[in-house]
Amino acid sequence: MTGLPKTVVISTDEIRRAIDEPVAAIIDAVKVTLDRTPPELAADIMEQGIVLTGGGALLHGLDSRLQHETGMPIVVARDPLNCVAIAVDSASRSSTPSSAC
């Protein structure tokens, strides 16, 4: 070992296997949350969909898998890395809700 950085090539399958457990935990958490959601709110979610934000929203195929596992429509935010901060900033400046996501 030299302590110097080196390049390592890994496959998509290796990455998929490496993140499979955390992705399954995310899916389980979404399902538990949906199970605990009051019917009137669940109806709104079913109509409007779940919006994915943050870095996890950029995981290729997460939206499809969540849609398959939950039966709910899933939408990736237009700017998933920044939309929550933009919406909070907008809300702090105005009483009109923002559609940043």
PDB file of N, CA and C in Angstrom:
ATOM      1  N   MET A   1       0.827  -1.178   0.000  1.00  0.00           N
ATOM      2  CA  MET A   1       0.000   0.000   0.000  1.00  0.00           C
ATOM      3  C   MET A   1       0.872   1.244   0.000  1.00  0.00           C
ATOM      4  N   THR A   2       0.511   2.132  -0.897  1.00  0.00           N
ATOM      5  CA  THR A   2       1.291   3.362  -1.004  1.00  0.00           C
ATOM      6  C   THR A   2       0.604   4.534  -0.332  1.00  0.00           C
ATOM      7  N   GLY A   3      -0.702   4.397  -0.062  1.00  0.00           N
ATOM      8  CA  GLY A   3      -1.447   5.501   0.501  1.00  0.00           C
ATOM      9  C   GLY A   3      -1.919   6.489  -0.549  1.00  0.00           C
ATOM     10  N   LEU A   4      -1.556   6.246  -1.801  1.00  0.00           N
ATOM     11  CA  LEU A   4      -1.958   7.126  -2.889  1.00  0.00           C
ATOM     12  C   LEU A   4      -3.281   6.648  -3.482  1.00  0.00           C
ATOM     13  N   PRO A   5      -4.076   7.591  -3.975  1.00  0.00           N
ATOM     14  CA  PRO A   5      -5.332   7.176  -4.603  1.00  0.00           C
ATOM     15  C   PRO A   5      -5.083   6.374  -5.866  1.00  0.00           C
ATOM     16  N   LYS A   6      -6.009   5.492  -6.184  1.00  0.00           N
ATOM     17  CA  LYS A   6      -5.914   4.744  -7.425  1.00  0.00           C
ATOM     18  C   LYS A   6      -7.296   4.623  -8.039  1.00  0.00           C
ATOM     19  N   THR A   7      -7.333   4.351  -9.307  1.00  0.00           N
ATOM     20  CA  THR A   7      -8.587   4.186 -10.029  1.00  0.00           C
ATOM     21  C   THR A   7      -9.003   2.728  -9.985  1.00  0.00           C
ATOM     22  N   VAL A   8     -10.274   2.515  -9.673  1.00  0.00           N
ATOM     23  CA  VAL A   8     -10.828   1.171  -9.643  1.00  0.00           C
ATOM     24  C   VAL A   8     -12.079   1.187 -10.509  1.00  0.00           C
ATOM     25  N   VAL A   9     -12.200   0.241 -11.398  1.00  0.00           N
ATOM     26  CA  VAL A   9     -13.370   0.146 -12.261  1.00  0.00           C
ATOM     27  C   VAL A   9     -14.342  -0.847 -11.635  1.00  0.00           C
ATOM     28  N   ILE A  10     -15.585  -0.395 -11.455  1.00  0.00           N
ATOM     29  CA  ILE A  10     -16.614  -1.275 -10.930  1.00  0.00           C
ATOM     30  C   ILE A  10     -17.813  -1.245 -11.878  1.00  0.00           C
ATOM     31  N   SER A  11     -18.554  -2.318 -11.878  1.00  0.00           N
ATOM     32  CA  SER A  11     -19.683  -2.442 -12.806  1.00  0.00           C
ATOM     33  C   SER A  11     -20.966  -1.901 -12.191  1.00  0.00           C
ATOM     34  N   THR A  12     -21.939  -1.688 -13.031  1.00  0.00           N
ATOM     35  CA  THR A  12     -23.268  -1.262 -12.591  1.00  0.00           C
ATOM     36  C   THR A  12     -23.863  -2.301 -11.649  1.00  0.00           C
ATOM     37  N   ASP A  13     -23.671  -3.573 -11.961  1.00  0.00           N
ATOM     38  CA  ASP A  13     -24.202  -4.643 -11.103  1.00  0.00           C
ATOM     39  C   ASP A  13     -23.577  -4.592  -9.710  1.00  0.00           C
ATOM     40  N   GLU A  14     -22.289  -4.290  -9.632  1.00  0.00           N
ATOM     41  CA  GLU A  14     -21.632  -4.191  -8.327  1.00  0.00           C
ATOM     42  C   GLU A  14     -22.198  -3.030  -7.518  1.00  0.00           C
ATOM     43  N   ILE A  15     -22.450  -1.928  -8.188  1.00  0.00           N
ATOM     44  CA  ILE A  15     -23.046  -0.780  -7.507  1.00  0.00           C
ATOM     45  C   ILE A  15     -24.453  -1.116  -7.052  1.00  0.00           C
ATOM     46  N   ARG A  16     -25.212  -1.746  -7.927  1.00  0.00           N
ATOM     47  CA  ARG A  16     -26.595  -2.125  -7.590  1.00  0.00           C
ATOM     48  C   ARG A  16     -26.611  -3.029  -6.363  1.00  0.00           C
ATOM     49  N   ARG A  17     -25.731  -4.011  -6.325  1.00  0.00           N
ATOM     50  CA  ARG A  17     -25.676  -4.908  -5.164  1.00  0.00           C
ATOM     51  C   ARG A  17     -25.261  -4.146  -3.906  1.00  0.00           C
ATOM     52  N   ALA A  18     -24.352  -3.200  -4.048  1.00  0.00           N
ATOM     53  CA  ALA A  18     -23.858  -2.442  -2.898  1.00  0.00           C
ATOM     54  C   ALA A  18     -24.945  -1.561  -2.283  1.00  0.00           C
ATOM     55  N   ILE A  19     -25.837  -1.032  -3.101  1.00  0.00           N
ATOM     56  CA  ILE A  19     -26.867  -0.132  -2.563  1.00  0.00           C
ATOM     57  C   ILE A  19     -28.228  -0.801  -2.411  1.00  0.00           C
ATOM     58  N   ASP A  20     -28.315  -2.087  -2.703  1.00  0.00           N
ATOM     59  CA  ASP A  20     -29.599  -2.778  -2.639  1.00  0.00           C
ATOM     60  C   ASP A  20     -30.228  -2.718  -1.254  1.00  0.00           C
ATOM     61  N   GLU A  21     -29.453  -2.933  -0.215  1.00  0.00           N
ATOM     62  CA  GLU A  21     -29.998  -2.926   1.147  1.00  0.00           C
ATOM     63  C   GLU A  21     -30.501  -1.531   1.549  1.00  0.00           C
ATOM     64  N   PRO A  22     -29.735  -0.457   1.328  1.00  0.00           N
ATOM     65  CA  PRO A  22     -30.278   0.868   1.663  1.00  0.00           C
ATOM     66  C   PRO A  22     -31.511   1.236   0.830  1.00  0.00           C
ATOM     67  N   VAL A  23     -31.544   0.854  -0.436  1.00  0.00           N
ATOM     68  CA  VAL A  23     -32.712   1.139  -1.278  1.00  0.00           C
ATOM     69  C   VAL A  23     -33.924   0.372  -0.755  1.00  0.00           C
ATOM     70  N   ALA A  24     -33.728  -0.878  -0.359  1.00  0.00           N
ATOM     71  CA  ALA A  24     -34.832  -1.665   0.217  1.00  0.00           C
ATOM     72  C   ALA A  24     -35.337  -1.013   1.503  1.00  0.00           C
ATOM     73  N   ALA A  25     -34.431  -0.447   2.303  1.00  0.00           N
ATOM     74  CA  ALA A  25     -34.833   0.237   3.537  1.00  0.00           C
ATOM     75  C   ALA A  25     -35.661   1.485   3.220  1.00  0.00           C
ATOM     76  N   ILE A  26     -35.288   2.207   2.168  1.00  0.00           N
ATOM     77  CA  ILE A  26     -36.053   3.389   1.749  1.00  0.00           C
ATOM     78  C   ILE A  26     -37.458   2.964   1.332  1.00  0.00           C
ATOM     79  N   ILE A  27     -37.536   1.912   0.535  1.00  0.00           N
ATOM     80  CA  ILE A  27     -38.837   1.426   0.065  1.00  0.00           C
ATOM     81  C   ILE A  27     -39.702   0.975   1.240  1.00  0.00           C
ATOM     82  N   ASP A  28     -39.108   0.248   2.179  1.00  0.00           N
ATOM     83  CA  ASP A  28     -39.861  -0.189   3.360  1.00  0.00           C
ATOM     84  C   ASP A  28     -40.364   1.013   4.164  1.00  0.00           C
ATOM     85  N   ALA A  29     -39.532   2.038   4.319  1.00  0.00           N
ATOM     86  CA  ALA A  29     -39.935   3.233   5.068  1.00  0.00           C
ATOM     87  C   ALA A  29     -41.090   3.954   4.374  1.00  0.00           C
ATOM     88  N   VAL A  30     -41.043   4.023   3.061  1.00  0.00           N
ATOM     89  CA  VAL A  30     -42.139   4.651   2.307  1.00  0.00           C
ATOM     90  C   VAL A  30     -43.423   3.846   2.503  1.00  0.00           C
ATOM     91  N   LYS A  31     -43.331   2.526   2.414  1.00  0.00           N
ATOM     92  CA  LYS A  31     -44.524   1.682   2.589  1.00  0.00           C
ATOM     93  C   LYS A  31     -45.120   1.831   3.982  1.00  0.00           C
ATOM     94  N   VAL A  32     -44.273   1.832   5.009  1.00  0.00           N
ATOM     95  CA  VAL A  32     -44.758   1.989   6.384  1.00  0.00           C
ATOM     96  C   VAL A  32     -45.438   3.345   6.546  1.00  0.00           C
ATOM     97  N   THR A  33     -44.822   4.373   5.992  1.00  0.00           N
ATOM     98  CA  THR A  33     -45.403   5.718   6.073  1.00  0.00           C
ATOM     99  C   THR A  33     -46.754   5.765   5.366  1.00  0.00           C
ATOM    100  N   LEU A  34     -46.840   5.165   4.191  1.00  0.00           N
ATOM    101  CA  LEU A  34     -48.110   5.142   3.463  1.00  0.00           C
ATOM    102  C   LEU A  34     -49.175   4.366   4.232  1.00  0.00           C
ATOM    103  N   ASP A  35     -48.778   3.274   4.889  1.00  0.00           N
ATOM    104  CA  ASP A  35     -49.726   2.488   5.684  1.00  0.00           C
ATOM    105  C   ASP A  35     -50.292   3.291   6.856  1.00  0.00           C
ATOM    106  N   ARG A  36     -49.494   4.231   7.372  1.00  0.00           N
ATOM    107  CA  ARG A  36     -49.907   5.042   8.521  1.00  0.00           C
ATOM    108  C   ARG A  36     -50.574   6.353   8.102  1.00  0.00           C
ATOM    109  N   THR A  37     -50.660   6.601   6.817  1.00  0.00           N
ATOM    110  CA  THR A  37     -51.216   7.856   6.307  1.00  0.00           C
ATOM    111  C   THR A  37     -52.739   7.820   6.342  1.00  0.00           C
ATOM    112  N   PRO A  38     -53.359   8.887   6.852  1.00  0.00           N
ATOM    113  CA  PRO A  38     -54.829   8.936   6.857  1.00  0.00           C
ATOM    114  C   PRO A  38     -55.381   8.816   5.433  1.00  0.00           C
ATOM    115  N   PRO A  39     -56.549   8.204   5.281  1.00  0.00           N
ATOM    116  CA  PRO A  39     -57.119   7.953   3.951  1.00  0.00           C
ATOM    117  C   PRO A  39     -57.243   9.200   3.069  1.00  0.00           C
ATOM    118  N   GLU A  40     -57.655  10.327   3.657  1.00  0.00           N
ATOM    119  CA  GLU A  40     -57.829  11.533   2.837  1.00  0.00           C
ATOM    120  C   GLU A  40     -56.495  12.039   2.287  1.00  0.00           C
ATOM    121  N   LEU A  41     -55.425  11.911   3.072  1.00  0.00           N
ATOM    122  CA  LEU A  41     -54.100  12.311   2.593  1.00  0.00           C
ATOM    123  C   LEU A  41     -53.572  11.297   1.579  1.00  0.00           C
ATOM    124  N   ALA A  42     -53.835  10.013   1.815  1.00  0.00           N
ATOM    125  CA  ALA A  42     -53.419   8.965   0.875  1.00  0.00           C
ATOM    126  C   ALA A  42     -54.070   9.170  -0.488  1.00  0.00           C
ATOM    127  N   ALA A  43     -55.321   9.622  -0.478  1.00  0.00           N
ATOM    128  CA  ALA A  43     -56.012   9.891  -1.744  1.00  0.00           C
ATOM    129  C   ALA A  43     -55.329  11.037  -2.492  1.00  0.00           C
ATOM    130  N   ASP A  44     -54.922  12.074  -1.762  1.00  0.00           N
ATOM    131  CA  ASP A  44     -54.197  13.187  -2.382  1.00  0.00           C
ATOM    132  C   ASP A  44     -52.861  12.713  -2.953  1.00  0.00           C
ATOM    133  N   ILE A  45     -52.158  11.867  -2.197  1.00  0.00           N
ATOM    134  CA  ILE A  45     -50.863  11.359  -2.666  1.00  0.00           C
ATOM    135  C   ILE A  45     -51.067  10.513  -3.914  1.00  0.00           C
ATOM    136  N   MET A  46     -52.118   9.707  -3.925  1.00  0.00           N
ATOM    137  CA  MET A  46     -52.398   8.866  -5.083  1.00  0.00           C
ATOM    138  C   MET A  46     -52.689   9.726  -6.316  1.00  0.00           C
ATOM    139  N   GLU A  47     -53.342  10.863  -6.100  1.00  0.00           N
ATOM    140  CA  GLU A  47     -53.672  11.759  -7.211  1.00  0.00           C
ATOM    141  C   GLU A  47     -52.459  12.578  -7.660  1.00  0.00           C
ATOM    142  N   GLN A  48     -51.727  13.128  -6.714  1.00  0.00           N
ATOM    143  CA  GLN A  48     -50.612  14.026  -7.028  1.00  0.00           C
ATOM    144  C   GLN A  48     -49.282  13.286  -7.211  1.00  0.00           C
ATOM    145  N   GLY A  49     -49.125  12.165  -6.531  1.00  0.00           N
ATOM    146  CA  GLY A  49     -47.883  11.401  -6.602  1.00  0.00           C
ATOM    147  C   GLY A  49     -46.913  11.784  -5.494  1.00  0.00           C
ATOM    148  N   ILE A  50     -45.870  11.003  -5.389  1.00  0.00           N
ATOM    149  CA  ILE A  50     -44.787  11.237  -4.444  1.00  0.00           C
ATOM    150  C   ILE A  50     -43.673  11.916  -5.218  1.00  0.00           C
ATOM    151  N   VAL A  51     -43.142  13.014  -4.687  1.00  0.00           N
ATOM    152  CA  VAL A  51     -42.059  13.740  -5.351  1.00  0.00           C
ATOM    153  C   VAL A  51     -40.748  13.369  -4.673  1.00  0.00           C
ATOM    154  N   LEU A  52     -39.818  12.841  -5.449  1.00  0.00           N
ATOM    155  CA  LEU A  52     -38.502  12.501  -4.931  1.00  0.00           C
ATOM    156  C   LEU A  52     -37.600  13.726  -5.009  1.00  0.00           C
ATOM    157  N   THR A  53     -36.935  14.031  -3.898  1.00  0.00           N
ATOM    158  CA  THR A  53     -36.000  15.153  -3.848  1.00  0.00           C
ATOM    159  C   THR A  53     -34.680  14.672  -3.262  1.00  0.00           C
ATOM    160  N   GLY A  54     -33.668  15.516  -3.363  1.00  0.00           N
ATOM    161  CA  GLY A  54     -32.363  15.183  -2.801  1.00  0.00           C
ATOM    162  C   GLY A  54     -31.561  14.272  -3.707  1.00  0.00           C
ATOM    163  N   GLY A  55     -30.390  13.912  -3.243  1.00  0.00           N
ATOM    164  CA  GLY A  55     -29.483  13.091  -4.036  1.00  0.00           C
ATOM    165  C   GLY A  55     -30.033  11.717  -4.366  1.00  0.00           C
ATOM    166  N   GLY A  56     -30.821  11.152  -3.459  1.00  0.00           N
ATOM    167  CA  GLY A  56     -31.399   9.836  -3.717  1.00  0.00           C
ATOM    168  C   GLY A  56     -32.314   9.829  -4.924  1.00  0.00           C
ATOM    169  N   ALA A  57     -32.922  10.974  -5.214  1.00  0.00           N
ATOM    170  CA  ALA A  57     -33.806  11.079  -6.380  1.00  0.00           C
ATOM    171  C   ALA A  57     -33.042  10.853  -7.681  1.00  0.00           C
ATOM    172  N   LEU A  58     -31.738  11.037  -7.638  1.00  0.00           N
ATOM    173  CA  LEU A  58     -30.909  10.875  -8.835  1.00  0.00           C
ATOM    174  C   LEU A  58     -30.464   9.432  -9.065  1.00  0.00           C
ATOM    175  N   LEU A  59     -30.799   8.539  -8.135  1.00  0.00           N
ATOM    176  CA  LEU A  59     -30.449   7.125  -8.326  1.00  0.00           C
ATOM    177  C   LEU A  59     -31.271   6.563  -9.481  1.00  0.00           C
ATOM    178  N   HIS A  60     -30.585   6.130 -10.510  1.00  0.00           N
ATOM    179  CA  HIS A  60     -31.251   5.618 -11.709  1.00  0.00           C
ATOM    180  C   HIS A  60     -32.179   4.462 -11.355  1.00  0.00           C
ATOM    181  N   GLY A  61     -33.446   4.596 -11.708  1.00  0.00           N
ATOM    182  CA  GLY A  61     -34.413   3.523 -11.512  1.00  0.00           C
ATOM    183  C   GLY A  61     -35.132   3.542 -10.177  1.00  0.00           C
ATOM    184  N   LEU A  62     -34.727   4.432  -9.249  1.00  0.00           N
ATOM    185  CA  LEU A  62     -35.400   4.464  -7.946  1.00  0.00           C
ATOM    186  C   LEU A  62     -36.872   4.840  -8.111  1.00  0.00           C
ATOM    187  N   ASP A  63     -37.152   5.795  -8.977  1.00  0.00           N
ATOM    188  CA  ASP A  63     -38.546   6.197  -9.197  1.00  0.00           C
ATOM    189  C   ASP A  63     -39.381   5.037  -9.707  1.00  0.00           C
ATOM    190  N   SER A  64     -38.856   4.288 -10.667  1.00  0.00           N
ATOM    191  CA  SER A  64     -39.590   3.140 -11.226  1.00  0.00           C
ATOM    192  C   SER A  64     -39.822   2.060 -10.174  1.00  0.00           C
ATOM    193  N   ARG A  65     -38.786   1.795  -9.396  1.00  0.00           N
ATOM    194  CA  ARG A  65     -38.913   0.745  -8.382  1.00  0.00           C
ATOM    195  C   ARG A  65     -39.924   1.149  -7.314  1.00  0.00           C
ATOM    196  N   LEU A  66     -39.872   2.405  -6.869  1.00  0.00           N
ATOM    197  CA  LEU A  66     -40.839   2.869  -5.885  1.00  0.00           C
ATOM    198  C   LEU A  66     -42.263   2.798  -6.433  1.00  0.00           C
ATOM    199  N   GLN A  67     -42.425   3.178  -7.687  1.00  0.00           N
ATOM    200  CA  GLN A  67     -43.752   3.116  -8.298  1.00  0.00           C
ATOM    201  C   GLN A  67     -44.244   1.673  -8.350  1.00  0.00           C
ATOM    202  N   HIS A  68     -43.358   0.761  -8.732  1.00  0.00           N
ATOM    203  CA  HIS A  68     -43.719  -0.657  -8.802  1.00  0.00           C
ATOM    204  C   HIS A  68     -44.071  -1.201  -7.417  1.00  0.00           C
ATOM    205  N   GLU A  69     -43.267  -0.843  -6.410  1.00  0.00           N
ATOM    206  CA  GLU A  69     -43.447  -1.394  -5.063  1.00  0.00           C
ATOM    207  C   GLU A  69     -44.651  -0.802  -4.327  1.00  0.00           C
ATOM    208  N   THR A  70     -44.979   0.467  -4.603  1.00  0.00           N
ATOM    209  CA  THR A  70     -46.043   1.134  -3.849  1.00  0.00           C
ATOM    210  C   THR A  70     -47.355   1.262  -4.625  1.00  0.00           C
ATOM    211  N   GLY A  71     -47.269   1.203  -5.950  1.00  0.00           N
ATOM    212  CA  GLY A  71     -48.451   1.431  -6.759  1.00  0.00           C
ATOM    213  C   GLY A  71     -48.824   2.901  -6.862  1.00  0.00           C
ATOM    214  N   MET A  72     -47.992   3.765  -6.324  1.00  0.00           N
ATOM    215  CA  MET A  72     -48.238   5.205  -6.341  1.00  0.00           C
ATOM    216  C   MET A  72     -47.470   5.849  -7.490  1.00  0.00           C
ATOM    217  N   PRO A  73     -48.000   6.942  -8.042  1.00  0.00           N
ATOM    218  CA  PRO A  73     -47.216   7.677  -9.040  1.00  0.00           C
ATOM    219  C   PRO A  73     -46.015   8.346  -8.368  1.00  0.00           C
ATOM    220  N   ILE A  74     -44.874   8.276  -9.013  1.00  0.00           N
ATOM    221  CA  ILE A  74     -43.637   8.853  -8.480  1.00  0.00           C
ATOM    222  C   ILE A  74     -43.103   9.857  -9.488  1.00  0.00           C
ATOM    223  N   VAL A  75     -42.716  11.025  -8.989  1.00  0.00           N
ATOM    224  CA  VAL A  75     -42.174  12.079  -9.837  1.00  0.00           C
ATOM    225  C   VAL A  75     -40.833  12.508  -9.260  1.00  0.00           C
ATOM    226  N   VAL A  76     -39.826  12.661 -10.119  1.00  0.00           N
ATOM    227  CA  VAL A  76     -38.541  13.203  -9.685  1.00  0.00           C
ATOM    228  C   VAL A  76     -38.621  14.719  -9.839  1.00  0.00           C
ATOM    229  N   ALA A  77     -38.257  15.444  -8.801  1.00  0.00           N
ATOM    230  CA  ALA A  77     -38.290  16.903  -8.831  1.00  0.00           C
ATOM    231  C   ALA A  77     -37.431  17.430  -9.980  1.00  0.00           C
ATOM    232  N   ARG A  78     -37.812  18.591 -10.506  1.00  0.00           N
ATOM    233  CA  ARG A  78     -37.057  19.202 -11.615  1.00  0.00           C
ATOM    234  C   ARG A  78     -35.603  19.452 -11.236  1.00  0.00           C
ATOM    235  N   ASP A  79     -35.372  19.905 -10.031  1.00  0.00           N
ATOM    236  CA  ASP A  79     -34.021  20.186  -9.545  1.00  0.00           C
ATOM    237  C   ASP A  79     -33.895  19.542  -8.169  1.00  0.00           C
ATOM    238  N   PRO A  80     -33.759  18.210  -8.130  1.00  0.00           N
ATOM    239  CA  PRO A  80     -33.870  17.502  -6.857  1.00  0.00           C
ATOM    240  C   PRO A  80     -32.841  17.918  -5.800  1.00  0.00           C
ATOM    241  N   LEU A  81     -31.673  18.357  -6.229  1.00  0.00           N
ATOM    242  CA  LEU A  81     -30.651  18.722  -5.254  1.00  0.00           C
ATOM    243  C   LEU A  81     -30.927  20.064  -4.585  1.00  0.00           C
ATOM    244  N   ASN A  82     -31.662  20.934  -5.246  1.00  0.00           N
ATOM    245  CA  ASN A  82     -31.856  22.282  -4.726  1.00  0.00           C
ATOM    246  C   ASN A  82     -33.294  22.659  -4.430  1.00  0.00           C
ATOM    247  N   CYS A  83     -34.261  21.896  -4.889  1.00  0.00           N
ATOM    248  CA  CYS A  83     -35.656  22.347  -4.845  1.00  0.00           C
ATOM    249  C   CYS A  83     -36.185  22.565  -3.436  1.00  0.00           C
ATOM    250  N   VAL A  84     -35.778  21.770  -2.467  1.00  0.00           N
ATOM    251  CA  VAL A  84     -36.287  21.960  -1.110  1.00  0.00           C
ATOM    252  C   VAL A  84     -35.780  23.281  -0.543  1.00  0.00           C
ATOM    253  N   ALA A  85     -34.502  23.563  -0.733  1.00  0.00           N
ATOM    254  CA  ALA A  85     -33.952  24.830  -0.248  1.00  0.00           C
ATOM    255  C   ALA A  85     -34.609  26.012  -0.955  1.00  0.00           C
ATOM    256  N   ILE A  86     -34.844  25.885  -2.250  1.00  0.00           N
ATOM    257  CA  ILE A  86     -35.505  26.956  -3.013  1.00  0.00           C
ATOM    258  C   ILE A  86     -36.928  27.168  -2.498  1.00  0.00           C
ATOM    259  N   ALA A  87     -37.653  26.080  -2.251  1.00  0.00           N
ATOM    260  CA  ALA A  87     -39.030  26.191  -1.765  1.00  0.00           C
ATOM    261  C   ALA A  87     -39.079  26.812  -0.375  1.00  0.00           C
ATOM    262  N   VAL A  88     -38.158  26.436   0.503  1.00  0.00           N
ATOM    263  CA  VAL A  88     -38.126  27.007   1.848  1.00  0.00           C
ATOM    264  C   VAL A  88     -37.824  28.503   1.772  1.00  0.00           C
ATOM    265  N   ASP A  89     -36.868  28.874   0.934  1.00  0.00           N
ATOM    266  CA  ASP A  89     -36.543  30.285   0.762  1.00  0.00           C
ATOM    267  C   ASP A  89     -37.753  31.043   0.237  1.00  0.00           C
ATOM    268  N   SER A  90     -38.413  30.478  -0.747  1.00  0.00           N
ATOM    269  CA  SER A  90     -39.582  31.117  -1.330  1.00  0.00           C
ATOM    270  C   SER A  90     -40.700  31.260  -0.296  1.00  0.00           C
ATOM    271  N   ALA A  91     -40.916  30.211   0.495  1.00  0.00           N
ATOM    272  CA  ALA A  91     -41.971  30.242   1.507  1.00  0.00           C
ATOM    273  C   ALA A  91     -41.671  31.265   2.594  1.00  0.00           C
ATOM    274  N   SER A  92     -40.396  31.438   2.912  1.00  0.00           N
ATOM    275  CA  SER A  92     -40.042  32.403   3.953  1.00  0.00           C
ATOM    276  C   SER A  92     -40.242  33.840   3.479  1.00  0.00           C
ATOM    277  N   ARG A  93     -40.297  34.041   2.180  1.00  0.00           N
ATOM    278  CA  ARG A  93     -40.451  35.382   1.613  1.00  0.00           C
ATOM    279  C   ARG A  93     -41.887  35.697   1.207  1.00  0.00           C
ATOM    280  N   SER A  94     -42.731  34.676   1.153  1.00  0.00           N
ATOM    281  CA  SER A  94     -44.074  34.879   0.608  1.00  0.00           C
ATOM    282  C   SER A  94     -45.065  33.962   1.291  1.00  0.00           C
ATOM    283  N   SER A  95     -46.327  34.343   1.259  1.00  0.00           N
ATOM    284  CA  SER A  95     -47.369  33.464   1.798  1.00  0.00           C
ATOM    285  C   SER A  95     -47.938  32.560   0.716  1.00  0.00           C
ATOM    286  N   THR A  96     -47.452  32.724  -0.528  1.00  0.00           N
ATOM    287  CA  THR A  96     -47.904  31.895  -1.635  1.00  0.00           C
ATOM    288  C   THR A  96     -47.003  30.670  -1.743  1.00  0.00           C
ATOM    289  N   PRO A  97     -47.568  29.463  -1.751  1.00  0.00           N
ATOM    290  CA  PRO A  97     -46.736  28.268  -1.853  1.00  0.00           C
ATOM    291  C   PRO A  97     -45.907  28.259  -3.128  1.00  0.00           C
ATOM    292  N   SER A  98     -44.699  27.730  -3.017  1.00  0.00           N
ATOM    293  CA  SER A  98     -43.806  27.636  -4.176  1.00  0.00           C
ATOM    294  C   SER A  98     -43.977  26.293  -4.862  1.00  0.00           C
ATOM    295  N   SER A  99     -43.702  26.266  -6.148  1.00  0.00           N
ATOM    296  CA  SER A  99     -43.724  25.008  -6.883  1.00  0.00           C
ATOM    297  C   SER A  99     -42.314  24.667  -7.345  1.00  0.00           C
ATOM    298  N   ALA A 100     -41.317  24.908  -6.469  1.00  0.00           N
ATOM    299  CA  ALA A 100     -39.918  24.683  -6.821  1.00  0.00           C
ATOM    300  C   ALA A 100     -39.636  23.219  -7.128  1.00  0.00           C
ATOM    301  N   CYS A 101     -40.387  22.334  -6.518  1.00  0.00           N
ATOM    302  CA  CYS A 101     -40.146  20.919  -6.738  1.00  0.00           C
ATOM    303  C   CYS A 101     -41.108  20.440  -7.787  1.00  0.00           C
TER     304      CYS A 101
END
